[in-house]
C-alpha atoms as a PDB file:
ATOM      1  CA  MET A   1      -5.579 -24.841  -0.096  1.00  0.00           C
ATOM      2  CA  ASP A   2      -8.985 -23.864   1.304  1.00  0.00           C
ATOM      3  CA  LYS A   3     -11.623 -22.966  -1.241  1.00  0.00           C
ATOM      4  CA  LEU A   4     -14.053 -20.049  -1.236  1.00  0.00           C
ATOM      5  CA  ASP A   5     -17.681 -20.195  -2.273  1.00  0.00           C
ATOM      6  CA  LYS A   6     -17.937 -18.025  -5.367  1.00  0.00           C
ATOM      7  CA  GLU A   7     -21.711 -17.808  -4.924  1.00  0.00           C
ATOM      8  CA  LYS A   8     -21.336 -16.454  -1.393  1.00  0.00           C
ATOM      9  CA  ILE A   9     -18.386 -14.117  -1.986  1.00  0.00           C
ATOM     10  CA  LYS A  10     -19.384 -11.030  -3.942  1.00  0.00           C
ATOM     11  CA  GLY A  11     -16.631  -8.573  -3.112  1.00  0.00           C
ATOM     12  CA  ILE A  12     -12.857  -8.354  -2.823  1.00  0.00           C
ATOM     13  CA  LEU A  13     -11.189  -5.793  -0.566  1.00  0.00           C
ATOM     14  CA  ILE A  14      -7.503  -5.538  -1.330  1.00  0.00           C
ATOM     15  CA  ASP A  15      -4.466  -3.776   0.078  1.00  0.00           C
ATOM     16  CA  SER A  16      -2.003  -2.056  -2.232  1.00  0.00           C
ATOM     17  CA  GLY A  17       1.581  -2.214  -0.958  1.00  0.00           C
ATOM     18  CA  TYR A  18       3.340  -5.563  -1.529  1.00  0.00           C
ATOM     19  CA  VAL A  19       0.018  -7.025  -2.660  1.00  0.00           C
ATOM     20  CA  LEU A  20      -0.506  -5.160  -5.930  1.00  0.00           C
ATOM     21  CA  ILE A  21       2.444  -2.774  -6.044  1.00  0.00           C
ATOM     22  CA  TYR A  22       6.014  -2.366  -4.802  1.00  0.00           C
ATOM     23  CA  PRO A  23       8.413   0.619  -4.468  1.00  0.00           C
ATOM     24  CA  THR A  24      10.791   1.022  -7.403  1.00  0.00           C
ATOM     25  CA  GLN A  25      13.568   2.752  -5.468  1.00  0.00           C
ATOM     26  CA  ALA A  26      15.794   0.875  -2.991  1.00  0.00           C
ATOM     27  CA  ASN A  27      12.827  -1.257  -1.840  1.00  0.00           C
ATOM     28  CA  ASN A  28      11.705   1.732   0.201  1.00  0.00           C
ATOM     29  CA  TRP A  29       8.371   3.538  -0.075  1.00  0.00           C
ATOM     30  CA  PHE A  30       9.927   6.875   0.856  1.00  0.00           C
ATOM     31  CA  VAL A  31      12.975   7.048  -1.407  1.00  0.00           C
ATOM     32  CA  SER A  32      11.765   9.339  -4.186  1.00  0.00           C
ATOM     33  CA  PRO A  33      12.436   8.273  -7.798  1.00  0.00           C
ATOM     34  CA  ASN A  34      14.981  11.055  -8.389  1.00  0.00           C
ATOM     35  CA  MET A  35      16.507  11.181  -4.926  1.00  0.00           C
ATOM     36  CA  THR A  36      20.014  10.150  -5.958  1.00  0.00           C
ATOM     37  CA  LYS A  37      19.974  12.787  -8.722  1.00  0.00           C
ATOM     38  CA  ILE A  38      18.519  15.551  -6.542  1.00  0.00           C
ATOM     39  CA  LEU A  39      20.994  14.885  -3.720  1.00  0.00           C
ATOM     40  CA  GLU A  40      23.840  13.968  -6.097  1.00  0.00           C
ATOM     41  CA  ILE A  41      24.323  10.641  -4.332  1.00  0.00           C
ATOM     42  CA  THR A  42      26.829   8.283  -5.939  1.00  0.00           C
ATOM     43  CA  ASP A  43      27.782   6.125  -2.959  1.00  0.00           C
ATOM     44  CA  LYS A  44      25.507   3.297  -1.788  1.00  0.00           C
ATOM     45  CA  THR A  45      26.577   4.060   1.783  1.00  0.00           C
ATOM     46  CA  ASP A  46      24.977   7.495   1.522  1.00  0.00           C
ATOM     47  CA  LEU A  47      21.753   5.980   0.223  1.00  0.00           C
ATOM     48  CA  ASP A  48      21.773   3.552   3.140  1.00  0.00           C
ATOM     49  CA  LYS A  49      22.107   6.504   5.515  1.00  0.00           C
ATOM     50  CA  ILE A  50      19.024   8.038   3.932  1.00  0.00           C
ATOM     51  CA  LYS A  51      17.090   4.788   4.262  1.00  0.00           C
ATOM     52  CA  ASN A  52      18.041   4.506   7.931  1.00  0.00           C
ATOM     53  CA  ALA A  53      16.909   8.075   8.518  1.00  0.00           C
ATOM     54  CA  THR A  54      13.479   7.291   7.027  1.00  0.00           C
ATOM     55  CA  GLN A  55      12.867   4.929   9.930  1.00  0.00           C
ATOM     56  CA  LYS A  56      13.663   7.660  12.462  1.00  0.00           C
ATOM     57  CA  ALA A  57      11.379  10.063  10.632  1.00  0.00           C
ATOM     58  CA  GLN A  58       8.255   7.905  10.896  1.00  0.00           C
ATOM     59  CA  PHE A  59       6.911  10.107  13.690  1.00  0.00           C
ATOM     60  CA  ILE A  60       6.667  12.972  11.188  1.00  0.00           C
ATOM     61  CA  LEU A  61       4.238  10.973   9.045  1.00  0.00           C
ATOM     62  CA  ASP A  62       2.297   9.949  12.140  1.00  0.00           C
ATOM     63  CA  LYS A  63       1.692  13.644  12.908  1.00  0.00           C
ATOM     64  CA  HIS A  64       0.101  14.142   9.490  1.00  0.00           C
ATOM     65  CA  ALA A  65      -2.918  11.897   9.982  1.00  0.00           C
ATOM     66  CA  TRP A  66      -5.138  13.880   7.613  1.00  0.00           C
ATOM     67  CA  VAL A  67      -3.704  14.340   4.119  1.00  0.00           C
ATOM     68  CA  LEU A  68      -6.506  15.191   1.727  1.00  0.00           C
ATOM     69  CA  ASP A  69      -4.894  16.401  -1.486  1.00  0.00           C
ATOM     70  CA  GLU A  70      -1.636  16.872  -3.367  1.00  0.00           C
ATOM     71  CA  GLN A  71      -0.682  20.092  -1.575  1.00  0.00           C
ATOM     72  CA  ASP A  72      -1.262  18.481   1.829  1.00  0.00           C
ATOM     73  CA  GLU A  73       0.897  15.547   0.754  1.00  0.00           C
ATOM     74  CA  ILE A  74       3.732  17.756  -0.441  1.00  0.00           C
ATOM     75  CA  ALA A  75       3.645  19.660   2.858  1.00  0.00           C
ATOM     76  CA  CYS A  76       3.723  16.381   4.785  1.00  0.00           C
ATOM     77  CA  PHE A  77       6.762  15.095   2.949  1.00  0.00           C
ATOM     78  CA  ASP A  78       8.435  18.504   3.064  1.00  0.00           C
ATOM     79  CA  ASP A  79       8.511  18.099   6.855  1.00  0.00           C
ATOM     80  CA  TYR A  80       9.531  14.471   6.500  1.00  0.00           C
ATOM     81  CA  TYR A  81      12.498  15.104   4.230  1.00  0.00           C
ATOM     82  CA  THR A  82      13.581  18.133   6.257  1.00  0.00           C
ATOM     83  CA  PHE A  83      14.073  15.837   9.231  1.00  0.00           C
ATOM     84  CA  ILE A  84      15.819  13.197   7.117  1.00  0.00           C
ATOM     85  CA  LEU A  85      18.234  15.632   5.504  1.00  0.00           C
ATOM     86  CA  ASN A  86      19.136  17.126   8.873  1.00  0.00           C
ATOM     87  CA  GLU A  87      20.016  13.604   9.985  1.00  0.00           C
ATOM     88  CA  TYR A  88      21.898  12.913   6.761  1.00  0.00           C
ATOM     89  CA  ASN A  89      23.840  16.144   6.260  1.00  0.00           C
ATOM     90  CA  PRO A  90      22.810  19.382   8.026  1.00  0.00           C
ATOM     91  CA  ASN A  91      25.146  21.402   5.781  1.00  0.00           C
ATOM     92  CA  LEU A  92      22.942  20.926   2.710  1.00  0.00           C
ATOM     93  CA  ASP A  93      20.472  23.495   1.393  1.00  0.00           C
ATOM     94  CA  ILE A  94      17.775  21.617   3.256  1.00  0.00           C
ATOM     95  CA  PRO A  95      14.632  23.720   2.584  1.00  0.00           C
ATOM     96  CA  SER A  96      15.154  23.631  -1.183  1.00  0.00           C
ATOM     97  CA  LEU A  97      16.192  19.981  -1.389  1.00  0.00           C
ATOM     98  CA  ALA A  98      13.466  18.770   0.968  1.00  0.00           C
ATOM     99  CA  HIS A  99      10.833  20.478  -1.165  1.00  0.00           C
ATOM    100  CA  LYS A 100      12.207  18.991  -4.392  1.00  0.00           C
ATOM    101  CA  LEU A 101      12.130  15.520  -2.841  1.00  0.00           C
ATOM    102  CA  ALA A 102       8.604  16.034  -1.513  1.00  0.00           C
ATOM    103  CA  VAL A 103       7.325  17.114  -4.932  1.00  0.00           C
ATOM    104  CA  ASP A 104       9.121  14.213  -6.617  1.00  0.00           C
ATOM    105  CA  LEU A 105       7.669  11.613  -4.260  1.00  0.00           C
ATOM    106  CA  THR A 106       4.168  13.062  -4.430  1.00  0.00           C
ATOM    107  CA  THR A 107       3.866  13.673  -8.178  1.00  0.00           C
ATOM    108  CA  ASN A 108       6.118  11.070  -9.814  1.00  0.00           C
ATOM    109  CA  PRO A 109       4.049   8.090 -11.059  1.00  0.00           C
ATOM    110  CA  LEU A 110       7.182   5.957 -11.410  1.00  0.00           C
ATOM    111  CA  LYS A 111       7.754   5.692  -7.670  1.00  0.00           C
ATOM    112  CA  TYR A 112       5.755   2.435  -7.516  1.00  0.00           C
ATOM    113  CA  ALA A 113       5.184  -0.392  -9.971  1.00  0.00           C
ATOM    114  CA  PHE A 114       2.641  -3.183 -10.216  1.00  0.00           C
ATOM    115  CA  PHE A 115       3.547  -6.841  -9.875  1.00  0.00           C
ATOM    116  CA  GLU A 116       3.223  -8.677 -13.182  1.00  0.00           C
ATOM    117  CA  ASP A 117       0.166 -10.628 -12.062  1.00  0.00           C
ATOM    118  CA  SER A 118      -1.750  -7.632 -10.657  1.00  0.00           C
ATOM    119  CA  LYS A 119      -3.481  -6.320 -13.758  1.00  0.00           C
ATOM    120  CA  PRO A 120      -4.360  -9.632 -15.453  1.00  0.00           C
ATOM    121  CA  ILE A 121      -5.793 -11.209 -12.302  1.00  0.00           C
ATOM    122  CA  ILE A 122      -7.636  -8.129 -11.034  1.00  0.00           C
ATOM    123  CA  SER A 123      -9.122  -7.463 -14.467  1.00  0.00           C
ATOM    124  CA  GLU A 124     -10.323 -11.070 -14.623  1.00  0.00           C
ATOM    125  CA  LEU A 125     -11.799 -11.037 -11.113  1.00  0.00           C
ATOM    126  CA  LYS A 126     -13.573  -7.744 -11.816  1.00  0.00           C
ATOM    127  CA  LYS A 127     -15.865  -9.640 -14.173  1.00  0.00           C
ATOM    128  CA  SER A 128     -17.304 -11.599 -11.225  1.00  0.00           C
ATOM    129  CA  PHE A 129     -16.753  -9.438  -8.141  1.00  0.00           C
ATOM    130  CA  LYS A 130     -16.991  -5.913  -6.823  1.00  0.00           C
ATOM    131  CA  ILE A 131     -13.504  -4.732  -5.874  1.00  0.00           C
ATOM    132  CA  ALA A 132     -12.349  -2.044  -3.437  1.00  0.00           C
ATOM    133  CA  LEU A 133      -8.842  -0.872  -2.642  1.00  0.00           C
ATOM    134  CA  VAL A 134      -8.229  -0.527   1.114  1.00  0.00           C
ATOM    135  CA  SER A 135      -4.805   1.031   1.515  1.00  0.00           C
ATOM    136  CA  ASP A 136      -2.761   2.819   4.163  1.00  0.00           C
ATOM    137  CA  ALA A 137      -1.572   5.484   1.746  1.00  0.00           C
ATOM    138  CA  TRP A 138      -1.730   9.099   0.609  1.00  0.00           C
ATOM    139  CA  PRO A 139      -3.842  10.748  -2.115  1.00  0.00           C
ATOM    140  CA  SER A 140      -1.107  10.247  -4.727  1.00  0.00           C
ATOM    141  CA  MET A 141      -1.925   6.537  -4.653  1.00  0.00           C
ATOM    142  CA  ARG A 142      -4.850   7.372  -6.911  1.00  0.00           C
ATOM    143  CA  MET A 143      -2.374   8.817  -9.423  1.00  0.00           C
ATOM    144  CA  ILE A 144      -0.444   5.551  -9.467  1.00  0.00           C
ATOM    145  CA  TYR A 145      -3.578   3.610 -10.362  1.00  0.00           C
ATOM    146  CA  ASP A 146      -4.625   6.170 -12.979  1.00  0.00           C
ATOM    147  CA  TYR A 147      -1.172   6.196 -14.584  1.00  0.00           C
ATOM    148  CA  ASN A 148      -1.152   2.402 -14.859  1.00  0.00           C
ATOM    149  CA  ASP A 149      -4.742   2.241 -16.163  1.00  0.00           C
ATOM    150  CA  MET A 150      -5.844   0.289 -13.088  1.00  0.00           C
ATOM    151  CA  THR A 151      -8.466   2.597 -11.573  1.00  0.00           C
ATOM    152  CA  LYS A 152     -11.197   1.232 -13.832  1.00  0.00           C
ATOM    153  CA  TYR A 153     -11.057  -2.156 -12.087  1.00  0.00           C
ATOM    154  CA  PHE A 154     -12.000  -0.716  -8.684  1.00  0.00           C
ATOM    155  CA  ASP A 155     -15.499   0.175  -7.589  1.00  0.00           C
ATOM    156  CA  TYR A 156     -14.166   2.200  -4.686  1.00  0.00           C
ATOM    157  CA  MET A 157     -10.865   3.240  -3.098  1.00  0.00           C
ATOM    158  CA  VAL A 158     -10.352   3.718   0.626  1.00  0.00           C
ATOM    159  CA  ILE A 159      -7.193   5.763   1.270  1.00  0.00           C
ATOM    160  CA  SER A 160      -6.222   5.991   4.941  1.00  0.00           C
ATOM    161  CA  SER A 161      -4.949   9.584   4.954  1.00  0.00           C
ATOM    162  CA  GLU A 162      -8.297  10.778   3.597  1.00  0.00           C
ATOM    163  CA  LEU A 163     -10.017   9.279   6.653  1.00  0.00           C
ATOM    164  CA  GLY A 164      -7.290  10.122   9.167  1.00  0.00           C
ATOM    165  CA  ILE A 165      -6.991   6.502  10.351  1.00  0.00           C
ATOM    166  CA  LEU A 166      -5.037   3.347   9.548  1.00  0.00           C
ATOM    167  CA  LYS A 167      -5.841  -0.338   9.330  1.00  0.00           C
ATOM    168  CA  PRO A 168      -6.833  -2.323  11.309  1.00  0.00           C
ATOM    169  CA  ASN A 169      -9.297   0.388  12.358  1.00  0.00           C
ATOM    170  CA  PRO A 170     -12.692  -1.125  11.452  1.00  0.00           C
ATOM    171  CA  ILE A 171     -13.721   2.058   9.645  1.00  0.00           C
ATOM    172  CA  MET A 172     -11.218   1.280   6.891  1.00  0.00           C
ATOM    173  CA  TYR A 173     -13.073  -1.939   6.101  1.00  0.00           C
ATOM    174  CA  THR A 174     -16.610  -0.759   6.760  1.00  0.00           C
ATOM    175  CA  THR A 175     -16.149   2.264   4.497  1.00  0.00           C
ATOM    176  CA  ALA A 176     -15.373  -0.130   1.657  1.00  0.00           C
ATOM    177  CA  LEU A 177     -18.290  -2.396   2.548  1.00  0.00           C
ATOM    178  CA  GLU A 178     -20.736   0.500   2.652  1.00  0.00           C
ATOM    179  CA  ASN A 179     -19.642   1.780  -0.740  1.00  0.00           C
ATOM    180  CA  LEU A 180     -19.784  -1.683  -2.283  1.00  0.00           C
ATOM    181  CA  ASN A 181     -23.169  -2.248  -0.619  1.00  0.00           C
ATOM    182  CA  LEU A 182     -22.010  -5.627   0.677  1.00  0.00           C
ATOM    183  CA  ARG A 183     -22.021  -7.407   4.037  1.00  0.00           C
ATOM    184  CA  PRO A 184     -18.764  -8.571   5.711  1.00  0.00           C
ATOM    185  CA  GLU A 185     -19.547 -12.245   5.104  1.00  0.00           C
ATOM    186  CA  GLU A 186     -19.842 -11.519   1.389  1.00  0.00           C
ATOM    187  CA  CYS A 187     -16.248 -10.292   1.111  1.00  0.00           C
ATOM    188  CA  VAL A 188     -12.644 -11.368   1.304  1.00  0.00           C
ATOM    189  CA  PHE A 189      -9.782  -9.062   2.266  1.00  0.00           C
ATOM    190  CA  LEU A 190      -6.183  -9.382   1.052  1.00  0.00           C
ATOM    191  CA  ASP A 191      -3.238  -7.875   2.899  1.00  0.00           C
ATOM    192  CA  ASP A 192       0.432  -8.672   3.506  1.00  0.00           C
ATOM    193  CA  ASN A 193       0.127  -7.658   7.170  1.00  0.00           C
ATOM    194  CA  ILE A 194      -1.330 -10.259   9.534  1.00  0.00           C
ATOM    195  CA  SER A 195      -2.578  -7.555  11.934  1.00  0.00           C
ATOM    196  CA  ASN A 196      -4.735  -6.115   9.170  1.00  0.00           C
ATOM    197  CA  CYS A 197      -6.017  -9.586   8.316  1.00  0.00           C
ATOM    198  CA  ILE A 198      -6.939 -10.124  11.965  1.00  0.00           C
ATOM    199  CA  GLY A 199      -8.772  -6.791  11.939  1.00  0.00           C
ATOM    200  CA  ALA A 200     -10.820  -7.846   8.929  1.00  0.00           C
ATOM    201  CA  LYS A 201     -11.646 -11.212  10.486  1.00  0.00           C
ATOM    202  CA  LYS A 202     -12.938  -9.532  13.651  1.00  0.00           C
ATOM    203  CA  ILE A 203     -15.735  -7.871  11.710  1.00  0.00           C
ATOM    204  CA  GLY A 204     -16.653 -10.968   9.719  1.00  0.00           C
ATOM    205  CA  ILE A 205     -14.625 -10.569   6.518  1.00  0.00           C
ATOM    206  CA  THR A 206     -12.669 -13.604   5.283  1.00  0.00           C
ATOM    207  CA  PRO A 207      -8.986 -12.596   5.375  1.00  0.00           C
ATOM    208  CA  ILE A 208      -6.319 -13.765   2.937  1.00  0.00           C
ATOM    209  CA  LEU A 209      -2.682 -13.227   3.896  1.00  0.00           C
ATOM    210  CA  VAL A 210      -0.470 -12.372   0.916  1.00  0.00           C
ATOM    211  CA  SER A 211       3.202 -13.353   1.236  1.00  0.00           C
ATOM    212  CA  ARG A 212       5.010 -12.367  -1.962  1.00  0.00           C
ATOM    213  CA  ASN A 213       8.374 -13.514  -0.609  1.00  0.00           C
ATOM    214  CA  HIS A 214       8.621 -17.308  -0.766  1.00  0.00           C
ATOM    215  CA  GLU A 215      10.351 -17.624   2.616  1.00  0.00           C
ATOM    216  CA  ASP A 216       7.626 -15.491   4.196  1.00  0.00           C
ATOM    217  CA  TYR A 217       5.006 -17.645   2.483  1.00  0.00           C
ATOM    218  CA  ILE A 218       6.443 -20.863   3.962  1.00  0.00           C
ATOM    219  CA  ARG A 219       6.802 -19.340   7.423  1.00  0.00           C
ATOM    220  CA  ASN A 220       3.358 -17.721   7.443  1.00  0.00           C
ATOM    221  CA  SER A 221       1.700 -20.900   6.170  1.00  0.00           C
ATOM    222  CA  LYS A 222       3.050 -22.691   9.230  1.00  0.00           C
ATOM    223  CA  GLN A 223       2.499 -19.892  11.740  1.00  0.00           C
ATOM    224  CA  TYR A 224      -0.965 -18.756  10.660  1.00  0.00           C
ATOM    225  CA  LYS A 225      -2.681 -22.015   9.825  1.00  0.00           C
ATOM    226  CA  ASP A 226      -6.128 -20.547  10.503  1.00  0.00           C
ATOM    227  CA  TYR A 227      -5.686 -18.080   7.646  1.00  0.00           C
ATOM    228  CA  ILE A 228      -5.664 -18.576   3.910  1.00  0.00           C
ATOM    229  CA  ASN A 229      -2.143 -17.710   2.770  1.00  0.00           C
ATOM    230  CA  ILE A 230      -1.176 -17.075  -0.859  1.00  0.00           C
ATOM    231  CA  GLU A 231       2.111 -16.301  -2.559  1.00  0.00           C
ATOM    232  CA  ASN A 232       0.743 -14.628  -5.691  1.00  0.00           C
ATOM    233  CA  LEU A 233      -2.545 -13.468  -7.195  1.00  0.00           C
ATOM    234  CA  GLN A 234      -2.794 -16.480  -9.459  1.00  0.00           C
ATOM    235  CA  GLN A 235      -3.538 -18.429  -6.296  1.00  0.00           C
ATOM    236  CA  LEU A 236      -6.292 -15.972  -5.458  1.00  0.00           C
ATOM    237  CA  ARG A 237      -8.087 -16.872  -8.680  1.00  0.00           C
ATOM    238  CA  ASP A 238      -7.627 -20.552  -7.920  1.00  0.00           C
ATOM    239  CA  LEU A 239      -9.239 -20.149  -4.474  1.00  0.00           C
ATOM    240  CA  PHE A 240     -12.730 -19.871  -5.871  1.00  0.00           C
ATOM    241  CA  VAL A 241     -14.672 -23.071  -6.562  1.00  0.00           C
END
């Protein structure tokens, strides 16, 4: 594994989803924690229908580029779940149920969980580096970090909906750099998406591809040989000389 110069690297920019956290419900970011209870779902087939509908509803989220606070987020997911429920079962009381789901997804801190190695490794690295979160997410992501006592390890958080853009837009990275007061060559960037890693590399940041799934790790190590590829955050700590 390639090594990084600890004297040169002063900052770590890090993605959230599938790097630090994962969705707790049906391996889907948009299945709210209490969805099965709210919709009285008992059959896995029905849940699969919901999951399939979330893919069709992506255009709804794309329309809500700017989401600045909790109320904006609830409104965004109100529209989102309205579409999904119409796909799933148009005979339901859709306005009421869509709103309940939107509130649950936005305000429930149990919708995501941290990987076991996230807190111990990030807390250790914080002793030597400035750290910024750079995440394609909504404002409620801050709640997740607060709830899990993780916010204190980050010098800054860049949340895409608050800027109205997504990675690999350079502004996502440069906003973090500016707030850390660091140059691109002084930072590494971790993400599970190779496109986002490429975006970071284009502006001079050293990218690190995170592949939590072992099969993905083997495949990506072969396919993207020009990139540092890690399977867990323990390996991130071991990267530094």
